[in-house]
Protein backbone atom coordinates (compact mmCIF):
# COMPACT_ATOMS: atom_id res chain seq x y z
CA UNK A 1 68.83 40.45 -72.38
CA UNK A 2 71.27 43.52 -73.25
CA UNK A 3 71.92 45.42 -70.02
CA UNK A 4 72.66 48.95 -69.79
CA UNK A 5 75.65 50.10 -67.87
CA UNK A 6 74.99 53.25 -65.61
CA UNK A 7 78.20 55.13 -65.93
CA UNK A 8 79.69 57.76 -63.77
CA UNK A 9 81.61 60.31 -65.63
CA UNK A 10 84.67 61.35 -63.88
CA UNK A 11 85.10 65.07 -63.74
CA UNK A 12 88.39 66.40 -65.55
CA UNK A 13 87.15 69.84 -66.28
CA UNK A 14 85.54 72.12 -63.86
CA UNK A 15 81.90 71.47 -64.87
CA UNK A 16 79.03 71.09 -62.54
CA UNK A 17 77.75 67.82 -61.04
CA UNK A 18 74.30 68.47 -62.63
CA UNK A 19 76.07 68.88 -66.07
CA UNK A 20 77.40 65.29 -65.79
CA UNK A 21 74.13 63.95 -64.57
CA UNK A 22 72.45 65.52 -67.48
CA UNK A 23 74.91 64.12 -69.80
CA UNK A 24 74.63 60.52 -68.54
CA UNK A 25 70.78 60.76 -68.66
CA UNK A 26 70.81 61.90 -72.12
CA UNK A 27 73.37 58.99 -73.38
CA UNK A 28 71.12 56.70 -71.40
CA UNK A 29 68.07 57.92 -73.03
CA UNK A 30 69.38 57.72 -76.50
CA UNK A 31 70.81 54.01 -76.10
CA UNK A 32 67.63 52.72 -74.43
CA UNK A 33 65.49 54.24 -77.21
CA UNK A 34 67.60 52.77 -79.90
CA UNK A 35 67.64 49.45 -78.42
CA UNK A 36 63.85 49.72 -77.93
CA UNK A 37 63.14 50.42 -81.59
CA UNK A 38 66.07 48.59 -83.17
CA UNK A 39 65.15 47.66 -86.86
CA UNK A 40 67.71 44.92 -87.42
CA UNK A 41 65.31 42.15 -87.34
CA UNK A 42 62.89 43.99 -89.69
CA UNK A 43 65.69 44.80 -92.21
CA UNK A 44 66.94 41.15 -92.13
CA UNK A 45 63.40 39.80 -92.71
CA UNK A 46 62.76 42.32 -95.50
CA UNK A 47 66.15 41.17 -97.35
CA UNK A 48 65.16 37.80 -97.05
CA UNK A 49 61.63 38.48 -98.76
CA UNK A 50 62.89 40.71 -101.44
CA UNK A 51 62.19 39.61 -104.87
CA UNK A 52 62.50 42.14 -107.81
CA UNK A 53 60.16 40.45 -110.03
CA UNK A 54 57.46 41.07 -107.13
CA UNK A 55 57.93 44.69 -106.84
CA UNK A 56 59.28 45.88 -110.24
CA UNK A 57 55.97 47.39 -111.34
CA UNK A 58 55.92 50.01 -108.64
CA UNK A 59 57.76 53.07 -107.72
CA UNK A 60 60.16 52.75 -104.73
CA UNK A 61 60.37 56.51 -103.82
CA UNK A 62 58.96 59.69 -105.40
CA UNK A 63 59.58 60.42 -109.23
CA UNK A 64 62.24 62.97 -108.52
CA UNK A 65 64.41 60.40 -106.87
CA UNK A 66 65.01 58.58 -110.10
CA UNK A 67 68.03 58.70 -112.47
CA UNK A 68 67.79 61.15 -115.27
CA UNK A 69 64.70 62.88 -113.62
CA UNK A 70 63.91 66.07 -115.51
CA UNK A 71 66.08 65.51 -118.61
CA UNK A 72 64.70 65.04 -122.00
CA UNK A 73 65.40 61.17 -121.79
CA UNK A 74 63.25 61.24 -118.73
CA UNK A 75 60.35 63.17 -120.46
CA UNK A 76 60.60 60.78 -123.51
CA UNK A 77 60.58 57.54 -121.38
CA UNK A 78 57.97 55.02 -121.14
CA UNK A 79 56.12 54.35 -117.58
CA UNK A 80 58.08 51.07 -117.56
CA UNK A 81 61.51 52.73 -118.20
CA UNK A 82 60.68 55.37 -115.55
CA UNK A 83 60.03 52.79 -112.84
CA UNK A 84 63.47 51.22 -113.80
CA UNK A 85 65.21 54.54 -113.73
CA UNK A 86 63.40 55.17 -110.25
CA UNK A 87 64.86 51.66 -109.05
CA UNK A 88 68.27 52.23 -110.37
CA UNK A 89 68.40 55.51 -108.39
CA UNK A 90 67.76 53.69 -105.21
CA UNK A 91 70.38 51.20 -106.14
CA UNK A 92 73.02 53.75 -106.86
CA UNK A 93 72.13 55.64 -103.69
CA UNK A 94 72.41 53.06 -101.37
CA UNK A 95 75.46 51.17 -102.92
CA UNK A 96 77.37 54.39 -102.13
CA UNK A 97 75.92 54.32 -98.65
CA UNK A 98 77.41 50.95 -98.25
CA UNK A 99 81.12 52.35 -98.49
CA UNK A 100 80.33 55.03 -95.69
CA UNK A 101 79.04 52.38 -93.32
CA UNK A 102 81.77 49.94 -93.96
CA UNK A 103 84.05 52.69 -92.54
CA UNK A 104 81.59 53.57 -90.04
CA UNK A 105 81.81 50.21 -88.51
CA UNK A 106 85.56 50.33 -88.37
CA UNK A 107 85.65 53.76 -86.84
CA UNK A 108 83.07 53.02 -84.39
CA UNK A 109 85.37 50.35 -82.89
CA UNK A 110 88.49 52.36 -83.05
CA UNK A 111 86.93 55.40 -81.44
CA UNK A 112 85.19 53.15 -78.71
CA UNK A 113 88.73 51.88 -77.97
CA UNK A 114 89.81 55.35 -77.25
CA UNK A 115 86.59 56.38 -75.45
CA UNK A 116 86.83 53.35 -73.25
CA UNK A 117 90.23 54.75 -71.96
CA UNK A 118 88.23 57.37 -70.23
CA UNK A 119 86.58 56.59 -67.01
CA UNK A 120 83.00 55.88 -66.80
CA UNK A 121 81.62 55.88 -70.20
CA UNK A 122 81.14 52.12 -70.93
CA UNK A 123 77.48 52.99 -72.03
CA UNK A 124 78.78 55.04 -74.81
CA UNK A 125 80.89 52.06 -76.18
CA UNK A 126 77.89 49.64 -75.78
CA UNK A 127 75.66 52.19 -77.75
CA UNK A 128 78.41 52.11 -80.68
CA UNK A 129 78.50 48.38 -80.59
CA UNK A 130 74.83 48.40 -81.23
CA UNK A 131 75.12 50.87 -84.02
CA UNK A 132 77.79 48.68 -85.66
CA UNK A 133 75.56 45.77 -85.49
CA UNK A 134 72.65 47.83 -87.02
CA UNK A 135 75.18 49.01 -89.97
CA UNK A 136 76.05 45.35 -90.98
CA UNK A 137 72.18 44.69 -91.27
CA UNK A 138 71.79 47.90 -93.52
CA UNK A 139 74.96 46.71 -95.68
CA UNK A 140 73.10 43.32 -96.14
CA UNK A 141 69.74 44.70 -97.14
CA UNK A 142 71.22 47.23 -99.55
CA UNK A 143 73.34 44.65 -101.03
CA UNK A 144 70.56 42.00 -101.56
CA UNK A 145 68.35 44.56 -103.20
CA UNK A 146 71.21 45.94 -105.59
CA UNK A 147 72.51 42.46 -106.68
CA UNK A 148 69.07 41.29 -107.48
CA UNK A 149 68.09 44.47 -109.62
CA UNK A 150 71.36 44.59 -111.56
CA UNK A 151 71.37 40.83 -112.12
CA UNK A 152 67.95 41.35 -113.72
CA UNK A 153 68.66 44.51 -115.69
CA UNK A 154 72.31 44.32 -116.59
CA UNK A 155 73.37 40.69 -115.75
CA UNK A 156 76.43 42.37 -114.22
CA UNK A 157 77.15 44.98 -111.26
CA UNK A 158 76.88 48.65 -112.29
CA UNK A 159 76.58 50.46 -109.12
CA UNK A 160 77.25 47.77 -106.44
CA UNK A 161 80.51 46.07 -105.87
CA UNK A 162 82.07 43.20 -103.77
CA UNK A 163 82.65 43.87 -100.13
CA UNK A 164 85.45 46.21 -99.36
CA UNK A 165 87.68 47.61 -96.51
CA UNK A 166 87.10 50.67 -94.59
CA UNK A 167 89.84 52.56 -96.34
CA UNK A 168 88.73 52.37 -99.95
CA UNK A 169 87.56 55.56 -101.69
CA UNK A 170 83.75 55.81 -100.67
CA UNK A 171 82.79 57.35 -104.20
CA UNK A 172 81.63 54.75 -106.65
CA UNK A 173 82.86 56.74 -109.73
CA UNK A 174 85.89 58.72 -108.44
CA UNK A 175 88.14 61.04 -110.32
CA UNK A 176 90.89 60.54 -107.78
CA UNK A 177 94.07 59.33 -109.24
CA UNK A 178 96.18 56.55 -107.76
CA UNK A 179 98.48 58.69 -105.63
CA UNK A 180 95.36 60.76 -104.02
CA UNK A 181 93.56 57.37 -103.29
CA UNK A 182 96.92 56.15 -101.49
CA UNK A 183 97.36 59.30 -99.62
CA UNK A 184 93.68 59.20 -98.39
CA UNK A 185 94.06 55.69 -97.21
CA UNK A 186 97.11 56.59 -95.41
CA UNK A 187 95.43 59.25 -93.39
CA UNK A 188 92.39 57.21 -92.43
CA UNK A 189 94.72 54.31 -91.39
CA UNK A 190 96.88 57.02 -89.21
CA UNK A 191 93.58 58.59 -87.72
CA UNK A 192 92.17 55.28 -86.93
CA UNK A 193 95.49 54.35 -84.95
CA UNK A 194 95.57 57.46 -83.26
CA UNK A 195 91.90 57.71 -82.14
CA UNK A 196 92.14 54.23 -80.72
CA UNK A 197 94.55 55.67 -78.15
CA UNK A 198 93.40 59.01 -77.53
CA UNK A 199 89.62 59.98 -76.25
CA UNK A 200 89.88 63.59 -77.36
CA UNK A 201 90.55 62.34 -81.20
CA UNK A 202 87.98 59.59 -80.77
CA UNK A 203 85.42 62.57 -80.19
CA UNK A 204 86.49 64.21 -83.09
CA UNK A 205 85.64 61.41 -85.21
CA UNK A 206 81.85 61.93 -84.59
CA UNK A 207 81.91 65.54 -85.56
CA UNK A 208 82.67 64.03 -88.94
CA UNK A 209 80.30 61.12 -88.78
CA UNK A 210 77.51 63.59 -87.55
CA UNK A 211 78.02 65.99 -90.49
CA UNK A 212 78.01 63.02 -92.85
CA UNK A 213 74.80 61.56 -91.24
CA UNK A 214 72.95 64.96 -91.32
CA UNK A 215 73.73 65.42 -95.10
CA UNK A 216 72.30 61.84 -95.80
CA UNK A 217 69.19 62.54 -93.63
CA UNK A 218 68.15 65.41 -95.70
CA UNK A 219 67.50 63.01 -98.73
CA UNK A 220 66.85 59.88 -96.50
CA UNK A 221 63.92 61.61 -94.88
CA UNK A 222 62.24 61.99 -98.26
CA UNK A 223 62.99 58.45 -99.35
CA UNK A 224 61.67 57.21 -95.90
CA UNK A 225 58.33 59.01 -96.56
CA UNK A 226 57.09 56.71 -99.51
CA UNK A 227 56.74 53.86 -96.86
CA UNK A 228 53.16 52.93 -96.13
CA UNK A 229 51.35 49.96 -95.04
CA UNK A 230 51.78 48.23 -98.39
CA UNK A 231 54.84 49.77 -99.54
CA UNK A 232 57.40 47.71 -101.79
CA UNK A 233 60.33 46.09 -99.75
CA UNK A 234 62.88 48.59 -101.05
CA UNK A 235 60.73 51.60 -99.68
CA UNK A 236 60.36 49.69 -96.35
CA UNK A 237 64.20 49.45 -96.10
CA UNK A 238 64.60 53.07 -96.74
CA UNK A 239 62.02 53.68 -93.82
CA UNK A 240 63.90 51.24 -91.37
CA UNK A 241 67.34 52.54 -92.25
CA UNK A 242 66.13 56.34 -91.76
CA UNK A 243 65.12 55.24 -88.22
CA UNK A 244 68.17 53.90 -87.17
CA UNK A 245 70.35 56.70 -88.49
CA UNK A 246 68.35 59.27 -86.49
CA UNK A 247 69.61 57.67 -83.26
CA UNK A 248 73.04 57.42 -84.80
CA UNK A 249 73.02 61.09 -85.55
CA UNK A 250 71.84 61.62 -81.82
CA UNK A 251 74.97 59.69 -80.77
CA UNK A 252 77.38 61.63 -82.87
CA UNK A 253 76.07 64.94 -81.41
CA UNK A 254 76.18 63.93 -77.86
CA UNK A 255 79.93 62.39 -78.33
CA UNK A 256 81.23 65.38 -80.21
CA UNK A 257 79.66 68.17 -78.24
CA UNK A 258 78.76 66.85 -74.77
CA UNK A 259 81.31 64.09 -73.90
CA UNK A 260 84.23 65.98 -75.44
CA UNK A 261 83.48 68.89 -73.02
CA UNK A 262 84.24 66.47 -69.93
CA UNK A 263 87.78 65.82 -71.24
CA UNK A 264 91.02 67.63 -70.25
CA UNK A 265 91.89 70.58 -72.56
CA UNK A 266 93.48 69.08 -75.69
CA UNK A 267 97.24 69.43 -76.35
CA UNK A 268 98.57 71.21 -79.48
CA UNK A 269 99.23 67.85 -81.08
CA UNK A 270 95.51 66.98 -80.55
CA UNK A 271 94.09 70.26 -81.77
CA UNK A 272 96.29 70.10 -84.94
CA UNK A 273 95.00 66.49 -85.96
CA UNK A 274 91.46 67.32 -85.13
CA UNK A 275 91.92 70.52 -87.56
CA UNK A 276 93.52 68.44 -90.24
């Protein structure tokens, strides 16, 4: 059984005791609820059961979430071709999400190292460990579906790719040149190193993570609505992923807005890095 720590945030700013207690309750509530509804087992089972042949005759999300939707090519496509375009949207969308989640696993850990340096917030680090484990389950499910679909349709990858590190460009088809990609990798490596030893910068990462998650939720909420009792497995995976990410967004909000308020005032260097 996973135990939940009961932290006592040490006061470093002139904030009231009631404010700290409220923050502790919010952190615990988010962590406990995420533990209770964790969809890792559901995602792993769905990935194991997935067979493209068994669900290729059904839509996996609404028609508008299809490649080429609304174009003359879509208008002239047969019903079978439209279903394939619907499936390819799913594959393309979640293949790109994989890159972001690989980076999330890394920065969850470097940021947790920076956060753990501050007294009394162990439960936040436990919460991030759970989320990283969930991200690995998400990646496995997305890859399983994408690889089967592309093998059946193209006999080679089109949108998916082999596993990559957290510093690689997250866009599948990017127009960045070699120098730009190198500079971006250097920036990410430098921030990971700094955040691992700095609580303020560790919190700032979750501002970026929260914005990215919110942007994704605008689409993922609509994809998750296609899941019913007899939904195809990719639709179920969309739903389970959205449910997990809802708690991840709550974590980002708590850390970037509430936890950071318990820290000493940032130095000029910390402010400069955060603004960069």
